[in-house]
């Protein structure tokens, strides 16, 4: 795993870099905010974790943390010589995952790094965009597009489409659909209502609703959205 290390004290930085590499981590070392920003801009997707000194000669680890979190959800740990509540809370509020106060034992730092990485590995990130040509769903915005043009859907139509999108290539029976809609919406949806909403969804998404290619009926089984 690759770690971005930003530390202005060259003696501390050298020791940290050596210890991390001995523990099978790859490192990229920067000594100031300017060089770190250049690396973040050009190589952020190559890193699994960032270690930022809080006090740097041309700025602070805070602005680096903010920059990282704006572009990617990778963990950030602060190295700080100031063990006071204000600095700790400010860092955590900005999205930092942990902090460690200097002087620290390298084994403690390695333990914290591995603990943070384990937490991230256990938390699969939800998809924010789901594509099945020509349909695109932006889940953060709750919007659906076909060939780049927004398709207005009701709340139940949108929920129904999300269920299909999260089960691409699978056959879902009418009972499965009814159970999932009930669970989320909290309202009773009967079989006839489901038929109506399926018809409306096809009319909005299909080029030819009478011969659907996106949401297909599998005779005697249920519905399927192609991959």
Protein backbone atom coordinates (compact mmCIF):
# COMPACT_ATOMS: atom_id res chain seq x y z
CA UNK A 1 0.00 0.00 0.00
CA UNK A 2 1.15 3.49 -0.86
CA UNK A 3 1.23 6.25 1.79
CA UNK A 4 1.61 9.98 1.24
CA UNK A 5 3.77 11.32 4.08
CA UNK A 6 4.04 15.08 4.62
CA UNK A 7 6.49 16.08 7.38
CA UNK A 8 8.77 19.14 7.43
CA UNK A 9 11.23 17.81 10.02
CA UNK A 10 13.62 15.90 7.77
CA UNK A 11 15.03 13.79 10.60
CA UNK A 12 11.56 12.64 11.70
CA UNK A 13 10.46 12.20 8.07
CA UNK A 14 13.46 10.01 7.26
CA UNK A 15 12.84 7.79 10.28
CA UNK A 16 9.14 7.47 9.50
CA UNK A 17 9.77 6.68 5.86
CA UNK A 18 12.28 3.96 6.78
CA UNK A 19 9.94 2.38 9.37
CA UNK A 20 6.95 2.40 7.00
CA UNK A 21 8.97 0.81 4.24
CA UNK A 22 10.26 -1.83 6.65
CA UNK A 23 6.62 -2.66 7.35
CA UNK A 24 5.97 -3.20 3.61
CA UNK A 25 4.40 0.20 2.91
CA UNK A 26 5.47 2.27 -0.09
CA UNK A 27 5.86 5.98 0.59
CA UNK A 28 5.96 9.33 -1.18
CA UNK A 29 7.54 12.01 1.02
CA UNK A 30 6.89 15.75 0.90
CA UNK A 31 8.26 18.44 3.22
CA UNK A 32 5.79 21.28 2.60
CA UNK A 33 2.25 22.08 1.51
CA UNK A 34 3.18 23.22 -2.00
CA UNK A 35 4.86 19.96 -3.01
CA UNK A 36 2.16 17.92 -1.27
CA UNK A 37 -0.59 19.71 -3.21
CA UNK A 38 1.18 18.91 -6.47
CA UNK A 39 1.34 15.22 -5.55
CA UNK A 40 -2.31 15.20 -4.43
CA UNK A 41 -3.40 16.82 -7.69
CA UNK A 42 -1.47 14.42 -9.88
CA UNK A 43 -1.31 11.14 -7.95
CA UNK A 44 -4.04 11.00 -5.29
CA UNK A 45 -5.64 7.84 -6.70
CA UNK A 46 -2.37 5.97 -6.08
CA UNK A 47 -2.52 6.33 -2.28
CA UNK A 48 -4.23 4.20 0.35
CA UNK A 49 -3.63 6.62 3.25
CA UNK A 50 -2.20 10.07 4.03
CA UNK A 51 -0.03 11.07 7.01
CA UNK A 52 0.01 14.85 7.44
CA UNK A 53 2.06 16.88 9.89
CA UNK A 54 -0.24 19.53 11.31
CA UNK A 55 2.28 22.41 11.26
CA UNK A 56 4.13 22.96 8.00
CA UNK A 57 6.39 25.84 6.90
CA UNK A 58 4.00 27.13 4.21
CA UNK A 59 0.63 26.11 5.64
CA UNK A 60 -0.98 23.29 7.60
CA UNK A 61 -2.09 19.71 7.35
CA UNK A 62 -5.66 21.00 7.65
CA UNK A 63 -5.71 22.39 4.10
CA UNK A 64 -4.16 19.20 2.76
CA UNK A 65 -6.79 17.11 4.52
CA UNK A 66 -9.55 19.30 3.10
CA UNK A 67 -8.08 18.97 -0.39
CA UNK A 68 -7.85 15.17 -0.14
CA UNK A 69 -11.37 14.73 1.20
CA UNK A 70 -12.82 16.93 -1.55
CA UNK A 71 -11.48 14.57 -4.20
CA UNK A 72 -11.34 11.12 -2.60
CA UNK A 73 -12.46 9.19 0.44
CA UNK A 74 -9.11 7.89 1.58
CA UNK A 75 -8.06 7.97 5.26
CA UNK A 76 -6.02 10.81 6.75
CA UNK A 77 -4.04 10.67 9.99
CA UNK A 78 -2.57 13.84 11.53
CA UNK A 79 0.85 14.02 13.17
CA UNK A 80 0.74 16.81 15.74
CA UNK A 81 2.99 18.20 18.45
CA UNK A 82 0.04 20.01 20.00
CA UNK A 83 -2.09 17.73 22.17
CA UNK A 84 -5.05 19.99 22.84
CA UNK A 85 -8.75 19.43 22.26
CA UNK A 86 -9.26 22.35 19.86
CA UNK A 87 -6.73 21.11 17.31
CA UNK A 88 -7.88 17.51 17.58
CA UNK A 89 -11.56 18.35 17.15
CA UNK A 90 -10.87 20.70 14.25
CA UNK A 91 -8.93 17.99 12.44
CA UNK A 92 -11.59 15.35 13.00
CA UNK A 93 -14.34 17.75 11.93
CA UNK A 94 -12.51 18.26 8.64
CA UNK A 95 -12.68 14.54 7.96
CA UNK A 96 -9.43 13.25 9.47
CA UNK A 97 -9.70 9.66 10.64
CA UNK A 98 -7.21 9.75 13.51
CA UNK A 99 -4.32 11.72 15.00
CA UNK A 100 -1.19 10.90 16.95
CA UNK A 101 0.81 13.26 19.15
CA UNK A 102 4.56 13.66 18.89
CA UNK A 103 6.70 12.15 20.23
CA UNK A 104 5.15 8.78 19.48
CA UNK A 105 6.33 5.20 19.24
CA UNK A 106 6.50 3.91 15.70
CA UNK A 107 4.67 0.73 16.68
CA UNK A 108 1.73 2.80 17.91
CA UNK A 109 1.62 4.72 14.64
CA UNK A 110 1.76 1.51 12.60
CA UNK A 111 -1.04 0.06 14.71
CA UNK A 112 -3.23 3.11 14.10
CA UNK A 113 -2.51 3.04 10.36
CA UNK A 114 -3.52 -0.61 10.11
CA UNK A 115 -6.62 -0.05 12.23
CA UNK A 116 -7.82 2.82 10.00
CA UNK A 117 -7.12 0.83 6.84
CA UNK A 118 -9.11 -2.13 8.20
CA UNK A 119 -12.09 0.13 8.87
CA UNK A 120 -12.04 1.40 5.29
CA UNK A 121 -11.69 -2.09 3.85
CA UNK A 122 -14.77 -3.21 5.79
CA UNK A 123 -16.89 -0.35 4.47
CA UNK A 124 -17.60 -0.81 0.76
CA UNK A 125 -18.43 2.53 -0.76
CA UNK A 126 -21.88 2.79 -2.32
CA UNK A 127 -22.10 3.56 -5.99
CA UNK A 128 -22.97 7.17 -6.72
CA UNK A 129 -23.54 6.54 -10.45
CA UNK A 130 -25.14 3.39 -11.87
CA UNK A 131 -24.96 2.82 -15.61
CA UNK A 132 -26.84 0.38 -17.79
CA UNK A 133 -26.85 1.84 -21.25
CA UNK A 134 -28.64 4.08 -22.11
CA UNK A 135 -29.81 4.68 -18.53
CA UNK A 136 -27.70 6.45 -15.92
CA UNK A 137 -28.76 6.88 -12.27
CA UNK A 138 -27.14 9.54 -10.06
CA UNK A 139 -27.96 8.21 -6.60
CA UNK A 140 -26.68 11.23 -4.64
CA UNK A 141 -28.93 13.55 -6.64
CA UNK A 142 -31.79 11.06 -6.97
CA UNK A 143 -31.94 11.72 -10.71
CA UNK A 144 -32.27 9.43 -13.74
CA UNK A 145 -31.03 10.16 -17.25
CA UNK A 146 -31.62 8.49 -20.61
CA UNK A 147 -29.18 9.40 -23.38
CA UNK A 148 -28.12 12.32 -21.15
CA UNK A 149 -31.65 13.72 -20.79
CA UNK A 150 -33.24 13.71 -17.33
CA UNK A 151 -36.26 11.43 -16.95
CA UNK A 152 -38.71 12.61 -14.24
CA UNK A 153 -39.80 9.73 -11.99
CA UNK A 154 -42.10 9.53 -9.00
CA UNK A 155 -40.63 8.36 -5.69
CA UNK A 156 -42.00 4.84 -6.14
CA UNK A 157 -40.87 4.62 -9.77
CA UNK A 158 -37.38 5.73 -8.72
CA UNK A 159 -37.27 3.20 -5.87
CA UNK A 160 -38.41 0.45 -8.22
CA UNK A 161 -35.69 1.34 -10.73
CA UNK A 162 -33.05 1.37 -7.95
CA UNK A 163 -34.06 -2.14 -6.92
CA UNK A 164 -33.53 -3.33 -10.49
CA UNK A 165 -30.26 -1.40 -10.80
CA UNK A 166 -28.87 -3.05 -7.68
CA UNK A 167 -29.74 -6.49 -9.07
CA UNK A 168 -28.55 -6.17 -12.66
CA UNK A 169 -28.83 -9.43 -14.57
CA UNK A 170 -30.94 -11.06 -11.85
CA UNK A 171 -34.56 -12.16 -12.13
CA UNK A 172 -36.80 -10.60 -9.47
CA UNK A 173 -40.23 -12.05 -8.81
CA UNK A 174 -43.24 -9.83 -8.20
CA UNK A 175 -43.25 -10.91 -4.55
CA UNK A 176 -39.61 -9.88 -4.14
CA UNK A 177 -40.36 -6.47 -5.59
CA UNK A 178 -43.43 -5.99 -3.40
CA UNK A 179 -41.48 -6.94 -0.27
CA UNK A 180 -38.66 -4.49 -1.00
CA UNK A 181 -40.98 -1.63 -1.83
CA UNK A 182 -42.97 -2.28 1.36
CA UNK A 183 -39.81 -2.34 3.46
CA UNK A 184 -38.52 1.00 2.21
CA UNK A 185 -41.61 3.09 1.57
CA UNK A 186 -43.58 1.82 4.56
CA UNK A 187 -46.78 1.84 2.49
CA UNK A 188 -48.76 -1.10 1.20
CA UNK A 189 -48.35 -1.72 -2.53
CA UNK A 190 -50.54 -4.41 -4.02
CA UNK A 191 -49.94 -6.51 -7.11
CA UNK A 192 -52.16 -4.37 -9.33
CA UNK A 193 -50.37 -1.18 -8.25
CA UNK A 194 -47.03 -2.79 -9.06
CA UNK A 195 -48.30 -3.61 -12.55
CA UNK A 196 -49.29 0.02 -13.08
CA UNK A 197 -45.92 1.33 -11.91
CA UNK A 198 -44.03 -1.17 -14.05
CA UNK A 199 -46.05 0.03 -17.06
CA UNK A 200 -45.26 3.67 -16.28
CA UNK A 201 -41.57 2.93 -15.75
CA UNK A 202 -41.34 1.18 -19.09
CA UNK A 203 -43.15 4.03 -20.86
CA UNK A 204 -40.59 6.49 -19.48
CA UNK A 205 -37.47 4.40 -20.08
CA UNK A 206 -38.07 2.15 -23.06
CA UNK A 207 -37.80 3.21 -26.71
CA UNK A 208 -40.65 0.78 -27.45
CA UNK A 209 -42.56 -0.08 -24.23
CA UNK A 210 -44.41 -2.91 -26.00
CA UNK A 211 -41.11 -4.60 -26.82
CA UNK A 212 -38.97 -3.70 -23.77
CA UNK A 213 -35.21 -4.15 -23.83
CA UNK A 214 -34.29 -2.56 -20.51
CA UNK A 215 -36.77 -4.14 -18.10
CA UNK A 216 -37.73 -7.51 -19.47
CA UNK A 217 -40.46 -9.88 -18.34
CA UNK A 218 -39.21 -13.43 -17.90
CA UNK A 219 -42.30 -15.51 -18.46
CA UNK A 220 -43.49 -17.22 -15.29
CA UNK A 221 -40.56 -15.89 -13.21
CA UNK A 222 -40.60 -12.12 -12.92
CA UNK A 223 -38.61 -9.15 -14.20
CA UNK A 224 -34.99 -8.73 -15.21
CA UNK A 225 -32.82 -5.74 -16.06
CA UNK A 226 -30.03 -6.60 -18.49
CA UNK A 227 -26.40 -5.93 -17.59
